[in-house]
Protein backbone atom coordinates (compact mmCIF):
# COMPACT_ATOMS: atom_id res chain seq x y z
CA MET A 1 0.00 0.00 0.00
CA TYR A 2 2.86 2.37 0.77
CA SER A 3 5.90 2.85 -1.46
CA ALA A 4 9.17 4.74 -1.10
CA PRO A 5 12.78 4.41 -2.23
CA ARG A 6 13.82 0.96 -1.09
CA VAL A 7 16.96 -0.99 -0.36
CA ASP A 8 16.64 -4.79 -0.22
CA ILE A 9 18.92 -6.32 2.40
CA PRO A 10 19.08 -9.73 4.09
CA GLY A 11 16.75 -10.70 6.89
CA PRO A 12 17.46 -10.76 10.62
CA ASN A 13 19.38 -14.02 10.58
CA VAL A 14 21.75 -13.08 7.77
CA GLY A 15 24.81 -10.95 8.37
CA SER A 16 24.71 -7.54 6.69
CA ALA A 17 25.60 -3.90 7.12
CA PRO A 18 23.45 -2.13 9.74
CA ARG A 19 20.03 -1.68 8.17
CA GLU A 20 19.57 1.94 9.18
CA GLN A 21 22.88 2.84 7.49
CA VAL A 22 21.89 1.10 4.26
CA ALA A 23 18.49 2.82 4.24
CA ALA A 24 19.98 6.26 4.86
CA ALA A 25 22.13 5.85 1.78
CA ALA A 26 19.12 5.24 -0.46
CA THR A 27 18.54 8.88 -1.46
CA THR A 28 20.34 12.23 -1.38
CA LEU A 29 17.95 14.96 -0.28
CA PRO A 30 18.07 18.57 0.96
CA ARG A 31 18.99 19.17 4.58
CA GLY A 32 16.11 18.48 6.94
CA VAL A 33 14.31 16.17 4.49
CA VAL A 34 14.09 12.48 5.42
CA ASN A 35 13.13 9.81 2.92
CA GLU A 36 14.14 6.28 3.82
CA SER A 37 12.79 2.80 3.29
CA VAL A 38 14.23 -0.58 4.18
CA ARG A 39 12.82 -3.93 3.13
CA VAL A 40 13.83 -7.26 4.70
CA ARG A 41 12.56 -10.80 4.63
CA ALA A 42 10.90 -12.22 7.72
CA ALA A 43 12.55 -14.95 9.77
CA ALA A 44 12.60 -18.30 7.96
CA ALA A 45 9.85 -19.82 10.12
CA LEU A 46 7.50 -16.97 9.17
CA ARG A 47 8.06 -17.02 5.43
CA PRO A 48 5.07 -19.28 4.63
CA TYR A 49 2.93 -16.44 6.02
CA VAL A 50 4.95 -13.21 5.64
CA ALA A 51 6.61 -12.11 2.41
CA TRP A 52 8.57 -9.13 3.77
CA TYR A 53 8.69 -6.15 6.12
CA THR A 54 9.13 -2.61 4.82
CA GLY A 55 10.13 0.14 7.25
CA TYR A 56 9.61 3.68 5.97
CA ARG A 57 10.14 7.21 7.26
CA GLN A 58 9.46 10.53 5.54
CA ASP A 59 9.63 14.09 6.82
CA GLY A 60 9.90 17.51 5.23
CA PHE A 61 7.83 16.72 2.11
CA PRO A 62 4.81 18.56 0.70
CA ALA A 63 1.37 17.21 1.51
CA THR A 64 0.62 14.44 -0.95
CA LEU A 65 -1.74 11.73 -2.15
CA HIS A 66 -0.47 8.16 -2.44
CA ARG A 67 -2.22 5.28 -4.21
CA GLY A 68 -2.19 1.95 -2.41
CA MET A 69 -2.14 -0.40 -5.38
CA PRO A 70 -3.74 -3.83 -5.77
CA SER A 71 -1.17 -6.55 -5.10
CA PRO A 72 -1.01 -10.29 -4.37
CA TYR A 73 -0.42 -9.61 -0.65
CA LEU A 74 -2.53 -8.60 2.29
CA THR A 75 -1.33 -5.40 3.95
CA LEU A 76 -0.62 -4.95 7.67
CA ILE A 77 0.62 -1.50 8.74
CA PHE A 78 1.86 -0.20 12.10
CA THR A 79 2.41 3.55 12.23
CA LEU A 80 5.29 5.02 14.25
CA ASP A 81 4.17 8.65 14.55
CA ASP A 82 1.25 10.29 12.74
CA LEU A 83 -1.90 8.35 11.97
CA LEU A 84 -2.41 6.81 8.53
CA THR A 85 -5.15 8.75 6.73
CA VAL A 86 -7.12 6.73 4.20
CA ALA A 87 -9.10 9.19 2.09
CA GLY A 88 -10.58 6.51 -0.15
CA HIS A 89 -10.90 2.76 0.36
CA PRO A 90 -11.01 0.07 -2.34
CA ASP A 91 -14.66 -0.31 -1.41
CA PRO A 92 -16.12 3.20 -1.97
CA ARG A 93 -18.89 2.44 0.53
CA GLN A 94 -16.33 2.44 3.36
CA ALA A 95 -15.94 5.86 4.95
CA PRO A 96 -12.53 7.58 5.04
CA GLY A 97 -10.69 7.27 8.32
CA ASN A 98 -7.50 7.57 10.36
CA TYR A 99 -5.62 4.48 11.55
CA ASP A 100 -2.73 3.82 13.90
CA THR A 101 -2.75 0.23 12.62
CA LEU A 102 -4.38 -1.12 9.49
CA LEU A 103 -5.11 -4.54 8.01
CA GLY A 104 -6.25 -4.73 4.40
CA GLY A 105 -7.30 -7.65 2.24
CA LEU A 106 -6.76 -8.24 -1.46
CA HIS A 107 -8.48 -5.69 -3.70
CA THR A 108 -8.84 -4.66 -7.34
CA SER A 109 -8.98 -0.87 -6.94
CA PRO A 110 -6.61 1.52 -5.18
CA ALA A 111 -6.70 2.90 -1.67
CA LEU A 112 -6.07 6.65 -1.53
CA ILE A 113 -3.76 7.71 1.29
CA THR A 114 -2.91 11.30 2.23
CA HIS A 115 -0.31 12.79 4.53
CA GLN A 116 0.90 16.28 5.38
CA GLY A 117 4.56 15.71 4.61
CA ARG A 118 5.45 13.33 7.44
CA GLN A 119 4.83 9.64 8.02
CA SER A 120 6.65 6.61 9.29
CA GLY A 121 5.80 3.03 10.02
CA ILE A 122 6.22 -0.58 9.04
CA GLN A 123 4.25 -2.33 6.33
CA ILE A 124 4.04 -6.12 6.39
CA ALA A 125 3.17 -8.05 3.23
CA LEU A 126 1.20 -11.18 4.13
CA HIS A 127 0.71 -14.21 1.91
CA PRO A 128 -3.05 -14.73 1.51
CA LEU A 129 -2.73 -18.51 1.89
CA GLY A 130 -1.04 -17.98 5.27
CA ALA A 131 -3.86 -15.85 6.68
CA ARG A 132 -5.50 -18.74 8.54
CA ALA A 133 -2.32 -19.52 10.47
CA LEU A 134 -1.35 -15.93 11.27
CA LEU A 135 -4.71 -14.16 11.49
CA GLY A 136 -7.04 -17.02 12.35
CA LEU A 137 -9.34 -16.50 9.37
CA PRO A 138 -9.19 -16.90 5.58
CA ALA A 139 -8.02 -13.95 3.53
CA GLY A 140 -11.37 -14.04 1.75
CA GLU A 141 -13.05 -12.53 4.82
CA LEU A 142 -10.89 -9.41 4.43
CA ALA A 143 -11.37 -8.89 0.69
CA ASN A 144 -11.72 -5.30 -0.46
CA THR A 145 -11.67 -4.09 3.15
CA ASN A 146 -9.43 -2.02 5.43
CA LEU A 147 -9.90 -2.21 9.19
CA PRO A 148 -7.97 -1.49 12.38
CA ALA A 149 -5.58 -4.39 12.89
CA ASP A 150 -6.68 -4.96 16.48
CA ALA A 151 -10.07 -6.07 15.16
CA VAL A 152 -8.32 -9.27 14.05
CA LEU A 153 -5.10 -9.42 16.07
CA GLY A 154 -6.67 -8.40 19.40
CA ARG A 155 -4.28 -7.70 22.29
CA LEU A 156 -1.30 -8.78 20.19
CA CYS A 157 -1.81 -5.64 18.10
CA GLY A 158 -1.34 -3.33 21.07
CA GLU A 159 1.75 -5.21 22.23
CA LEU A 160 3.27 -5.04 18.77
CA GLN A 161 2.52 -1.32 18.47
CA ALA A 162 4.08 -0.52 21.83
CA ARG A 163 7.20 -2.64 21.22
CA LEU A 164 7.72 -1.18 17.75
CA GLU A 165 7.42 2.39 19.02
CA ALA A 166 9.90 1.67 21.83
CA ALA A 167 12.53 0.14 19.52
CA ASP A 168 15.44 2.38 18.50
CA SER A 169 16.28 1.07 15.02
CA TRP A 170 14.89 -0.83 12.06
CA PRO A 171 16.73 -4.06 12.97
CA GLU A 172 15.20 -3.95 16.48
CA ARG A 173 11.73 -3.39 15.05
CA PHE A 174 12.08 -6.25 12.59
CA ALA A 175 13.26 -8.52 15.41
CA VAL A 176 10.15 -7.57 17.41
CA LEU A 177 7.96 -8.53 14.47
CA ASP A 178 9.73 -11.86 14.04
CA LYS A 179 9.32 -12.76 17.70
CA LEU A 180 5.72 -11.70 18.25
CA LEU A 181 4.30 -12.78 14.90
CA LEU A 182 5.91 -16.19 15.25
CA ARG A 183 4.35 -16.48 18.69
CA ALA A 184 0.96 -15.61 17.18
CA THR A 185 0.92 -18.39 14.60
CA ARG A 186 -1.51 -21.15 15.47
CA PRO A 187 -1.89 -24.78 14.40
CA TYR A 188 -2.13 -24.46 10.67
CA VAL A 189 -5.36 -25.48 9.00
CA GLY A 190 -4.25 -25.76 5.41
CA VAL A 191 -6.20 -24.36 2.51
CA PRO A 192 -7.54 -26.86 -0.03
CA PRO A 193 -4.54 -28.17 -1.98
CA GLU A 194 -6.33 -27.39 -5.23
CA VAL A 195 -6.59 -23.71 -4.26
CA ALA A 196 -2.96 -23.65 -3.16
CA ARG A 197 -1.88 -25.22 -6.46
CA ALA A 198 -3.89 -22.72 -8.49
CA TRP A 199 -2.46 -19.77 -6.53
CA GLN A 200 1.09 -21.05 -6.92
CA LEU A 201 0.63 -21.38 -10.68
CA LEU A 202 -0.68 -17.84 -10.94
CA ILE A 203 2.29 -16.47 -9.03
CA ARG A 204 4.80 -18.60 -10.93
CA THR A 205 3.48 -17.53 -14.33
CA GLY A 206 2.97 -13.88 -13.45
CA GLY A 207 -0.79 -14.25 -13.93
CA ALA A 208 -0.39 -15.52 -17.49
CA VAL A 209 -2.05 -18.94 -17.12
CA PRO A 210 -5.67 -19.12 -18.40
CA VAL A 211 -8.35 -19.87 -15.82
CA SER A 212 -9.48 -22.91 -17.82
CA ALA A 213 -5.94 -24.29 -17.60
CA LEU A 214 -5.95 -23.74 -13.83
CA ALA A 215 -9.19 -25.71 -13.50
CA ASP A 216 -7.81 -28.53 -15.65
CA GLU A 217 -4.59 -28.59 -13.61
CA VAL A 218 -6.36 -28.98 -10.25
CA GLY A 219 -9.15 -31.25 -11.52
CA TRP A 220 -12.08 -28.99 -10.63
CA SER A 221 -14.71 -27.30 -12.75
CA GLY A 222 -14.11 -23.63 -13.43
CA ARG A 223 -17.14 -22.65 -11.35
CA HIS A 224 -16.11 -24.74 -8.35
CA LEU A 225 -12.54 -23.44 -8.50
CA ALA A 226 -13.77 -19.83 -8.69
CA ASP A 227 -16.01 -20.32 -5.65
CA ARG A 228 -13.41 -22.02 -3.43
CA PHE A 229 -10.60 -19.73 -4.59
CA ARG A 230 -12.63 -16.60 -3.82
CA ARG A 231 -13.61 -17.90 -0.38
CA GLU A 232 -9.97 -18.51 0.48
CA THR A 233 -8.27 -15.46 -1.07
CA GLY A 234 -11.00 -12.90 -1.67
CA LEU A 235 -10.54 -12.86 -5.44
CA THR A 236 -11.62 -15.15 -8.26
CA PRO A 237 -8.80 -16.78 -10.24
CA LYS A 238 -9.45 -14.36 -13.10
CA ALA A 239 -9.26 -11.30 -10.84
CA ALA A 240 -6.18 -12.69 -9.08
CA ALA A 241 -4.46 -13.18 -12.44
CA ARG A 242 -5.16 -9.54 -13.33
CA VAL A 243 -3.74 -8.35 -10.00
CA VAL A 244 -0.61 -10.53 -10.24
CA ARG A 245 0.09 -9.36 -13.79
CA PHE A 246 -0.59 -5.71 -12.92
CA ASP A 247 1.66 -5.90 -9.86
CA ARG A 248 4.53 -7.14 -12.00
CA ALA A 249 3.96 -4.46 -14.63
CA ARG A 250 3.79 -1.54 -12.22
CA ARG A 251 6.95 -2.73 -10.46
CA LEU A 252 8.75 -2.74 -13.80
CA LEU A 253 7.44 0.77 -14.45
CA ALA A 254 8.64 1.92 -11.04
CA ALA A 255 12.07 0.34 -11.52
CA GLY A 256 12.43 2.06 -14.88
CA ALA A 257 11.29 5.48 -13.69
CA GLY A 258 14.65 6.26 -12.10
CA ARG A 259 16.68 5.44 -15.19
CA SER A 260 17.83 7.84 -17.86
CA GLU A 261 16.36 5.50 -20.51
CA PRO A 262 13.33 3.72 -19.02
CA PRO A 263 11.87 0.72 -20.83
CA ARG A 264 9.06 1.46 -23.27
CA LEU A 265 5.49 0.82 -22.23
CA ALA A 266 5.08 -1.52 -25.18
CA ASP A 267 8.03 -3.60 -23.96
CA VAL A 268 6.61 -3.81 -20.42
CA ALA A 269 3.24 -4.85 -21.87
CA ALA A 270 4.83 -7.62 -23.92
CA GLU A 271 6.96 -8.87 -21.03
CA CYS A 272 3.97 -9.05 -18.67
CA GLY A 273 1.62 -10.81 -21.09
CA TYR A 274 -0.67 -7.98 -22.18
CA PHE A 275 -1.97 -7.97 -25.75
CA ASP A 276 -0.37 -4.61 -26.46
CA GLN A 277 0.47 -1.23 -24.96
CA ALA A 278 -3.16 -0.10 -25.09
CA HIS A 279 -4.24 -3.19 -23.13
CA LEU A 280 -1.72 -2.37 -20.38
CA ALA A 281 -2.93 1.24 -20.26
CA ARG A 282 -6.57 0.14 -19.91
CA GLU A 283 -5.75 -2.31 -17.14
CA PHE A 284 -3.69 0.33 -15.35
CA ARG A 285 -6.59 2.76 -15.41
CA SER A 286 -8.96 0.07 -14.15
CA LEU A 287 -6.77 -1.21 -11.29
CA ALA A 288 -4.85 1.95 -10.34
CA GLY A 289 -7.56 4.52 -11.04
CA CYS A 290 -5.30 6.56 -13.31
CA ALA A 291 -3.05 6.36 -16.35
CA PRO A 292 0.52 5.02 -16.02
CA SER A 293 1.99 8.44 -16.77
CA ARG A 294 -0.08 10.12 -14.06
CA TRP A 295 0.87 7.52 -11.47
CA LEU A 296 4.56 7.86 -12.28
CA ALA A 297 4.43 11.64 -12.21
CA GLU A 298 2.56 11.74 -8.89
CA GLU A 299 4.33 8.92 -7.11
CA PHE A 300 7.86 9.77 -8.05
CA ARG A 301 7.48 13.52 -7.69
CA ASN A 302 5.82 13.26 -4.29
CA VAL A 303 7.58 10.24 -2.83
CA GLN A 304 10.89 9.68 -4.53
CA ALA A 305 11.50 13.03 -6.22
CA PRO A 306 13.90 12.03 -9.02
CA SER A 307 14.58 14.24 -12.01
CA SER A 308 11.55 14.80 -14.22
CA GLY A 309 13.09 13.32 -17.37
CA PRO A 310 12.03 9.68 -17.04
CA ALA A 311 8.44 10.57 -16.12
CA GLN A 312 8.23 12.80 -19.18
CA ASP A 313 9.47 9.91 -21.33
CA TRP A 314 6.67 7.72 -19.98
CA LEU A 315 4.14 10.47 -20.70
CA ARG A 316 5.14 10.56 -24.36
CA GLN A 317 4.88 6.76 -24.65
CA GLU A 318 1.32 6.44 -23.31
CA PRO A 319 -1.38 5.97 -25.99
CA ASN A 320 -3.78 8.92 -26.09
CA GLN A 321 -6.87 6.84 -26.78
CA CYS A 322 -6.70 4.72 -23.60
C-alpha cells in the first residue's frame, strides 16, 4: 500500500551492514528532508505467512496523495508517529478514516492515502494462503476491506505497536515482528490443496495462465474453482491473475522510472503478457484509477523526487486513446 525508495537487504538471521545505514544511503535529499525505506525478509519460520517487512520514514515533504495499489499480498501496517489517513478505500462504501494500525485484504482498486509531509511506520506483506495460520481467518473474509488491525489481532496488536514504538532502530523493530508474529501463529489449518496449487501457478506464471488451464490442472470445474478460490483469497482466479500481472507491470514501471532511458510501455506490456500497450494502459486505469503516466508523475514527484526526465518519457509513450 505504501511505497518509497527501497533498499533490499538480508533478513534478521543473515549478516549484513546495519540496516539503518543502508536505508539512509538510499537517497540524497536537501537538509532536513528524510526519505528512507528498508525492506527485509521475515525470519525463515515466518516465510510461509509473511513475504517481507518494509520500514519507511518521511519528513519535510509537501502534503501528498499516495495510491495503495492492488497486489497479491494482504497489507498490515503499524504507524510510528502520525496516523495513517485513508481518504478513499477500495470499497467506496467504506468511509474515510485515520488508523494507527491497518489490516487490508486483497483488492482490485486503489486505496487513496494522504499525509501532510510526514509519516513513518512498518508495512508487512502477508501471503493470503497464510492468513489462517497468522490471522485465524481466511483472507477471503478481508477482501476489499481495510480495518484497524486490532479487530483481528486483538491484544497482540497493542503489544506489537508498543514494542515497535519503543525500539530504536529498524533491525530492532524487525526482530520484534519476528518474535511476536511467530508467537501468534496457530496450528495451521491448510487451505484446499487445489486452491494452493492454483495460486502457486498464478504467481509462478505472473498471472499468465488461463483460468481454464488452472481448472484442468487442479481437476475442478471452473465454477467450483472460482467459488473455493474466492472464499480462500478474496478474489476469483481471473481477478487474481489480473492483479498478479498488474503488480509485476507496475513494479517494472517503477524500476524504470529512475533510469535515464526507461523501458518502453510496449516492452513492459509484452513482457507481462498484455496484448499490447493499449491493453496495459486500460488495465492500469482500471486497477490503479489513473493512467501510467499520471501515477509515475505523482508517485515519483511526491515520494521519490527524481529528475523529471524519465516521467516525461513515460508520458510521451502512453497511448492517447486509452
